[in-house]
Amino acid sequence: MSLERARAVQAVLEELEELRRAGGYRRGLAARMAREYGGSARTWERAVSDARAVYEHEERPAAPGAE
């Protein structure tokens, strides 16, 4: 795995943890993470987008009969 890809994965994991802590998406999250951890806001926006998809999938109730 390239260093750039590893950083992207780490960013998504950090965003996912932040979403879990906050109980969901909060506006300005990507900008705050960029200030806190460095990097461009656009990079963090992509991480937030990916993390939101994972978070929303985790929070979605299972379909009846799905186990």
PDB file of N, CA and C in Angstrom:
ATOM      1  N   MET A   1       0.859  -1.176   0.000  1.00  0.00           N
ATOM      2  CA  MET A   1       0.000   0.000   0.000  1.00  0.00           C
ATOM      3  C   MET A   1       0.900   1.232   0.000  1.00  0.00           C
ATOM      4  N   SER A   2       0.576   2.177  -0.853  1.00  0.00           N
ATOM      5  CA  SER A   2       1.372   3.390  -0.933  1.00  0.00           C
ATOM      6  C   SER A   2       1.161   4.250   0.309  1.00  0.00           C
ATOM      7  N   LEU A   3       2.105   5.114   0.569  1.00  0.00           N
ATOM      8  CA  LEU A   3       2.016   6.016   1.719  1.00  0.00           C
ATOM      9  C   LEU A   3       0.792   6.918   1.599  1.00  0.00           C
ATOM     10  N   GLU A   4       0.519   7.382   0.393  1.00  0.00           N
ATOM     11  CA  GLU A   4      -0.642   8.257   0.174  1.00  0.00           C
ATOM     12  C   GLU A   4      -1.947   7.508   0.472  1.00  0.00           C
ATOM     13  N   ARG A   5      -2.037   6.270   0.022  1.00  0.00           N
ATOM     14  CA  ARG A   5      -3.234   5.471   0.270  1.00  0.00           C
ATOM     15  C   ARG A   5      -3.378   5.177   1.767  1.00  0.00           C
ATOM     16  N   ALA A   6      -2.261   4.884   2.416  1.00  0.00           N
ATOM     17  CA  ALA A   6      -2.286   4.620   3.857  1.00  0.00           C
ATOM     18  C   ALA A   6      -2.786   5.844   4.616  1.00  0.00           C
ATOM     19  N   ARG A   7      -2.358   7.015   4.197  1.00  0.00           N
ATOM     20  CA  ARG A   7      -2.833   8.252   4.843  1.00  0.00           C
ATOM     21  C   ARG A   7      -4.328   8.439   4.619  1.00  0.00           C
ATOM     22  N   ALA A   8      -4.802   8.129   3.417  1.00  0.00           N
ATOM     23  CA  ALA A   8      -6.227   8.267   3.120  1.00  0.00           C
ATOM     24  C   ALA A   8      -7.045   7.313   3.987  1.00  0.00           C
ATOM     25  N   VAL A   9      -6.580   6.093   4.121  1.00  0.00           N
ATOM     26  CA  VAL A   9      -7.280   5.122   4.964  1.00  0.00           C
ATOM     27  C   VAL A   9      -7.303   5.597   6.407  1.00  0.00           C
ATOM     28  N   GLN A  10      -6.177   6.097   6.890  1.00  0.00           N
ATOM     29  CA  GLN A  10      -6.106   6.602   8.262  1.00  0.00           C
ATOM     30  C   GLN A  10      -7.054   7.783   8.456  1.00  0.00           C
ATOM     31  N   ALA A  11      -7.142   8.653   7.458  1.00  0.00           N
ATOM     32  CA  ALA A  11      -8.046   9.802   7.545  1.00  0.00           C
ATOM     33  C   ALA A  11      -9.493   9.341   7.658  1.00  0.00           C
ATOM     34  N   VAL A  12      -9.863   8.343   6.883  1.00  0.00           N
ATOM     35  CA  VAL A  12     -11.233   7.829   6.941  1.00  0.00           C
ATOM     36  C   VAL A  12     -11.506   7.226   8.312  1.00  0.00           C
ATOM     37  N   LEU A  13     -10.547   6.471   8.836  1.00  0.00           N
ATOM     38  CA  LEU A  13     -10.726   5.876  10.164  1.00  0.00           C
ATOM     39  C   LEU A  13     -10.879   6.950  11.242  1.00  0.00           C
ATOM     40  N   GLU A  14     -10.096   8.013  11.149  1.00  0.00           N
ATOM     41  CA  GLU A  14     -10.205   9.116  12.116  1.00  0.00           C
ATOM     42  C   GLU A  14     -11.564   9.792  11.998  1.00  0.00           C
ATOM     43  N   GLU A  15     -12.017  10.011  10.777  1.00  0.00           N
ATOM     44  CA  GLU A  15     -13.327  10.638  10.570  1.00  0.00           C
ATOM     45  C   GLU A  15     -14.445   9.743  11.079  1.00  0.00           C
ATOM     46  N   LEU A  16     -14.329   8.450  10.830  1.00  0.00           N
ATOM     47  CA  LEU A  16     -15.352   7.517  11.290  1.00  0.00           C
ATOM     48  C   LEU A  16     -15.442   7.545  12.812  1.00  0.00           C
ATOM     49  N   GLU A  17     -14.314   7.567  13.479  1.00  0.00           N
ATOM     50  CA  GLU A  17     -14.308   7.651  14.941  1.00  0.00           C
ATOM     51  C   GLU A  17     -14.948   8.959  15.411  1.00  0.00           C
ATOM     52  N   GLU A  18     -14.665  10.042  14.719  1.00  0.00           N
ATOM     53  CA  GLU A  18     -15.250  11.347  15.067  1.00  0.00           C
ATOM     54  C   GLU A  18     -16.770  11.324  14.864  1.00  0.00           C
ATOM     55  N   LEU A  19     -17.231  10.712  13.778  1.00  0.00           N
ATOM     56  CA  LEU A  19     -18.677  10.606  13.543  1.00  0.00           C
ATOM     57  C   LEU A  19     -19.347   9.799  14.649  1.00  0.00           C
ATOM     58  N   ARG A  20     -18.710   8.721  15.048  1.00  0.00           N
ATOM     59  CA  ARG A  20     -19.266   7.897  16.128  1.00  0.00           C
ATOM     60  C   ARG A  20     -19.341   8.690  17.430  1.00  0.00           C
ATOM     61  N   ARG A  21     -18.291   9.438  17.712  1.00  0.00           N
ATOM     62  CA  ARG A  21     -18.258  10.244  18.941  1.00  0.00           C
ATOM     63  C   ARG A  21     -19.332  11.319  18.930  1.00  0.00           C
ATOM     64  N   ALA A  22     -19.511  11.946  17.759  1.00  0.00           N
ATOM     65  CA  ALA A  22     -20.472  13.051  17.638  1.00  0.00           C
ATOM     66  C   ALA A  22     -21.906  12.566  17.455  1.00  0.00           C
ATOM     67  N   GLY A  23     -22.055  11.289  17.182  1.00  0.00           N
ATOM     68  CA  GLY A  23     -23.395  10.761  16.952  1.00  0.00           C
ATOM     69  C   GLY A  23     -23.916  11.045  15.555  1.00  0.00           C
ATOM     70  N   GLY A  24     -23.026  11.317  14.635  1.00  0.00           N
ATOM     71  CA  GLY A  24     -23.419  11.577  13.251  1.00  0.00           C
ATOM     72  C   GLY A  24     -22.663  12.759  12.679  1.00  0.00           C
ATOM     73  N   TYR A  25     -22.983  13.087  11.456  1.00  0.00           N
ATOM     74  CA  TYR A  25     -22.304  14.157  10.740  1.00  0.00           C
ATOM     75  C   TYR A  25     -22.581  15.526  11.356  1.00  0.00           C
ATOM     76  N   ARG A  26     -21.559  16.325  11.417  1.00  0.00           N
ATOM     77  CA  ARG A  26     -21.675  17.724  11.846  1.00  0.00           C
ATOM     78  C   ARG A  26     -21.009  18.604  10.793  1.00  0.00           C
ATOM     79  N   ARG A  27     -21.690  19.647  10.396  1.00  0.00           N
ATOM     80  CA  ARG A  27     -21.151  20.575   9.418  1.00  0.00           C
ATOM     81  C   ARG A  27     -19.832  21.155   9.920  1.00  0.00           C
ATOM     82  N   GLY A  28     -18.870  21.291   9.016  1.00  0.00           N
ATOM     83  CA  GLY A  28     -17.573  21.868   9.359  1.00  0.00           C
ATOM     84  C   GLY A  28     -16.557  20.861   9.873  1.00  0.00           C
ATOM     85  N   LEU A  29     -16.934  19.599   9.889  1.00  0.00           N
ATOM     86  CA  LEU A  29     -16.056  18.562  10.413  1.00  0.00           C
ATOM     87  C   LEU A  29     -14.754  18.467   9.615  1.00  0.00           C
ATOM     88  N   ALA A  30     -14.837  18.493   8.293  1.00  0.00           N
ATOM     89  CA  ALA A  30     -13.642  18.386   7.450  1.00  0.00           C
ATOM     90  C   ALA A  30     -12.705  19.568   7.685  1.00  0.00           C
ATOM     91  N   ALA A  31     -13.235  20.761   7.785  1.00  0.00           N
ATOM     92  CA  ALA A  31     -12.400  21.937   8.016  1.00  0.00           C
ATOM     93  C   ALA A  31     -11.713  21.861   9.375  1.00  0.00           C
ATOM     94  N   ARG A  32     -12.445  21.394  10.380  1.00  0.00           N
ATOM     95  CA  ARG A  32     -11.853  21.273  11.712  1.00  0.00           C
ATOM     96  C   ARG A  32     -10.730  20.240  11.721  1.00  0.00           C
ATOM     97  N   MET A  33     -10.958  19.116  11.044  1.00  0.00           N
ATOM     98  CA  MET A  33      -9.937  18.082  10.991  1.00  0.00           C
ATOM     99  C   MET A  33      -8.700  18.578  10.224  1.00  0.00           C
ATOM    100  N   ALA A  34      -8.902  19.355   9.171  1.00  0.00           N
ATOM    101  CA  ALA A  34      -7.774  19.913   8.414  1.00  0.00           C
ATOM    102  C   ALA A  34      -6.950  20.851   9.300  1.00  0.00           C
ATOM    103  N   ARG A  35      -7.632  21.660  10.092  1.00  0.00           N
ATOM    104  CA  ARG A  35      -6.908  22.555  11.010  1.00  0.00           C
ATOM    105  C   ARG A  35      -6.165  21.761  12.078  1.00  0.00           C
ATOM    106  N   GLU A  36      -6.827  20.753  12.604  1.00  0.00           N
ATOM    107  CA  GLU A  36      -6.282  19.974  13.710  1.00  0.00           C
ATOM    108  C   GLU A  36      -5.127  19.069  13.287  1.00  0.00           C
ATOM    109  N   TYR A  37      -5.282  18.404  12.141  1.00  0.00           N
ATOM    110  CA  TYR A  37      -4.301  17.401  11.722  1.00  0.00           C
ATOM    111  C   TYR A  37      -3.454  17.813  10.533  1.00  0.00           C
ATOM    112  N   GLY A  38      -3.794  18.949   9.905  1.00  0.00           N
ATOM    113  CA  GLY A  38      -3.054  19.379   8.727  1.00  0.00           C
ATOM    114  C   GLY A  38      -3.633  18.755   7.469  1.00  0.00           C
ATOM    115  N   GLY A  39      -3.118  19.175   6.343  1.00  0.00           N
ATOM    116  CA  GLY A  39      -3.627  18.683   5.066  1.00  0.00           C
ATOM    117  C   GLY A  39      -4.703  19.600   4.535  1.00  0.00           C
ATOM    118  N   SER A  40      -5.112  19.312   3.322  1.00  0.00           N
ATOM    119  CA  SER A  40      -6.110  20.176   2.687  1.00  0.00           C
ATOM    120  C   SER A  40      -7.513  19.809   3.141  1.00  0.00           C
ATOM    121  N   ALA A  41      -8.368  20.797   3.140  1.00  0.00           N
ATOM    122  CA  ALA A  41      -9.768  20.562   3.503  1.00  0.00           C
ATOM    123  C   ALA A  41     -10.404  19.592   2.511  1.00  0.00           C
ATOM    124  N   ARG A  42     -10.009  19.668   1.232  1.00  0.00           N
ATOM    125  CA  ARG A  42     -10.571  18.769   0.219  1.00  0.00           C
ATOM    126  C   ARG A  42     -10.259  17.315   0.546  1.00  0.00           C
ATOM    127  N   THR A  43      -9.051  17.031   1.010  1.00  0.00           N
ATOM    128  CA  THR A  43      -8.682  15.670   1.389  1.00  0.00           C
ATOM    129  C   THR A  43      -9.560  15.182   2.529  1.00  0.00           C
ATOM    130  N   TRP A  44      -9.780  16.048   3.519  1.00  0.00           N
ATOM    131  CA  TRP A  44     -10.621  15.675   4.661  1.00  0.00           C
ATOM    132  C   TRP A  44     -12.076  15.557   4.251  1.00  0.00           C
ATOM    133  N   GLU A  45     -12.521  16.360   3.264  1.00  0.00           N
ATOM    134  CA  GLU A  45     -13.897  16.240   2.780  1.00  0.00           C
ATOM    135  C   GLU A  45     -14.135  14.860   2.166  1.00  0.00           C
ATOM    136  N   ARG A  46     -13.147  14.366   1.413  1.00  0.00           N
ATOM    137  CA  ARG A  46     -13.262  13.015   0.851  1.00  0.00           C
ATOM    138  C   ARG A  46     -13.309  11.981   1.974  1.00  0.00           C
ATOM    139  N   ALA A  47     -12.478  12.170   2.991  1.00  0.00           N
ATOM    140  CA  ALA A  47     -12.467  11.237   4.120  1.00  0.00           C
ATOM    141  C   ALA A  47     -13.805  11.268   4.852  1.00  0.00           C
ATOM    142  N   VAL A  48     -14.364  12.457   5.042  1.00  0.00           N
ATOM    143  CA  VAL A  48     -15.667  12.580   5.705  1.00  0.00           C
ATOM    144  C   VAL A  48     -16.732  11.869   4.873  1.00  0.00           C
ATOM    145  N   SER A  49     -16.709  12.066   3.578  1.00  0.00           N
ATOM    146  CA  SER A  49     -17.686  11.438   2.699  1.00  0.00           C
ATOM    147  C   SER A  49     -17.607   9.917   2.801  1.00  0.00           C
ATOM    148  N   ASP A  50     -16.402   9.372   2.740  1.00  0.00           N
ATOM    149  CA  ASP A  50     -16.227   7.921   2.859  1.00  0.00           C
ATOM    150  C   ASP A  50     -16.643   7.425   4.239  1.00  0.00           C
ATOM    151  N   ALA A  51     -16.269   8.151   5.266  1.00  0.00           N
ATOM    152  CA  ALA A  51     -16.607   7.753   6.633  1.00  0.00           C
ATOM    153  C   ALA A  51     -18.111   7.829   6.869  1.00  0.00           C
ATOM    154  N   ARG A  52     -18.770   8.835   6.290  1.00  0.00           N
ATOM    155  CA  ARG A  52     -20.232   8.940   6.439  1.00  0.00           C
ATOM    156  C   ARG A  52     -20.929   7.741   5.830  1.00  0.00           C
ATOM    157  N   ALA A  53     -20.432   7.278   4.686  1.00  0.00           N
ATOM    158  CA  ALA A  53     -21.042   6.109   4.040  1.00  0.00           C
ATOM    159  C   ALA A  53     -20.933   4.886   4.945  1.00  0.00           C
ATOM    160  N   VAL A  54     -19.773   4.694   5.554  1.00  0.00           N
ATOM    161  CA  VAL A  54     -19.578   3.568   6.466  1.00  0.00           C
ATOM    162  C   VAL A  54     -20.461   3.743   7.695  1.00  0.00           C
ATOM    163  N   TYR A  55     -20.453   4.933   8.262  1.00  0.00           N
ATOM    164  CA  TYR A  55     -21.231   5.212   9.472  1.00  0.00           C
ATOM    165  C   TYR A  55     -22.719   4.984   9.233  1.00  0.00           C
ATOM    166  N   GLU A  56     -23.237   5.495   8.123  1.00  0.00           N
ATOM    167  CA  GLU A  56     -24.659   5.344   7.828  1.00  0.00           C
ATOM    168  C   GLU A  56     -25.015   3.880   7.579  1.00  0.00           C
ATOM    169  N   HIS A  57     -24.104   3.128   6.988  1.00  0.00           N
ATOM    170  CA  HIS A  57     -24.336   1.690   6.788  1.00  0.00           C
ATOM    171  C   HIS A  57     -24.395   0.973   8.136  1.00  0.00           C
ATOM    172  N   GLU A  58     -23.517   1.355   9.050  1.00  0.00           N
ATOM    173  CA  GLU A  58     -23.504   0.754  10.393  1.00  0.00           C
ATOM    174  C   GLU A  58     -24.790   1.075  11.165  1.00  0.00           C
ATOM    175  N   GLU A  59     -25.289   2.268  10.984  1.00  0.00           N
ATOM    176  CA  GLU A  59     -26.456   2.727  11.748  1.00  0.00           C
ATOM    177  C   GLU A  59     -27.774   2.249  11.154  1.00  0.00           C
ATOM    178  N   ARG A  60     -27.767   1.820   9.908  1.00  0.00           N
ATOM    179  CA  ARG A  60     -28.995   1.373   9.252  1.00  0.00           C
ATOM    180  C   ARG A  60     -29.443   0.058   9.893  1.00  0.00           C
ATOM    181  N   PRO A  61     -30.686  -0.024  10.295  1.00  0.00           N
ATOM    182  CA  PRO A  61     -31.165  -1.283  10.889  1.00  0.00           C
ATOM    183  C   PRO A  61     -31.138  -2.402   9.855  1.00  0.00           C
ATOM    184  N   ALA A  62     -30.874  -3.589  10.336  1.00  0.00           N
ATOM    185  CA  ALA A  62     -30.846  -4.754   9.446  1.00  0.00           C
ATOM    186  C   ALA A  62     -32.254  -5.028   8.920  1.00  0.00           C
ATOM    187  N   ALA A  63     -32.297  -5.521   7.706  1.00  0.00           N
ATOM    188  CA  ALA A  63     -33.584  -5.886   7.105  1.00  0.00           C
ATOM    189  C   ALA A  63     -34.170  -7.063   7.869  1.00  0.00           C
ATOM    190  N   PRO A  64     -35.491  -7.126   7.978  1.00  0.00           N
ATOM    191  CA  PRO A  64     -36.114  -8.256   8.670  1.00  0.00           C
ATOM    192  C   PRO A  64     -35.682  -9.581   8.050  1.00  0.00           C
ATOM    193  N   GLY A  65     -35.286 -10.525   8.896  1.00  0.00           N
ATOM    194  CA  GLY A  65     -34.858 -11.827   8.424  1.00  0.00           C
ATOM    195  C   GLY A  65     -33.408 -11.905   8.015  1.00  0.00           C
ATOM    196  N   ALA A  66     -32.706 -10.767   7.964  1.00  0.00           N
ATOM    197  CA  ALA A  66     -31.287 -10.768   7.578  1.00  0.00           C
ATOM    198  C   ALA A  66     -30.442 -11.038   8.798  1.00  0.00           C
ATOM    199  N   GLU A  67     -29.640 -12.055   8.717  1.00  0.00           N
ATOM    200  CA  GLU A  67     -28.745 -12.382   9.829  1.00  0.00           C
ATOM    201  C   GLU A  67     -27.451 -12.892   9.330  1.00  0.00           C
TER     202      GLU A  67
END
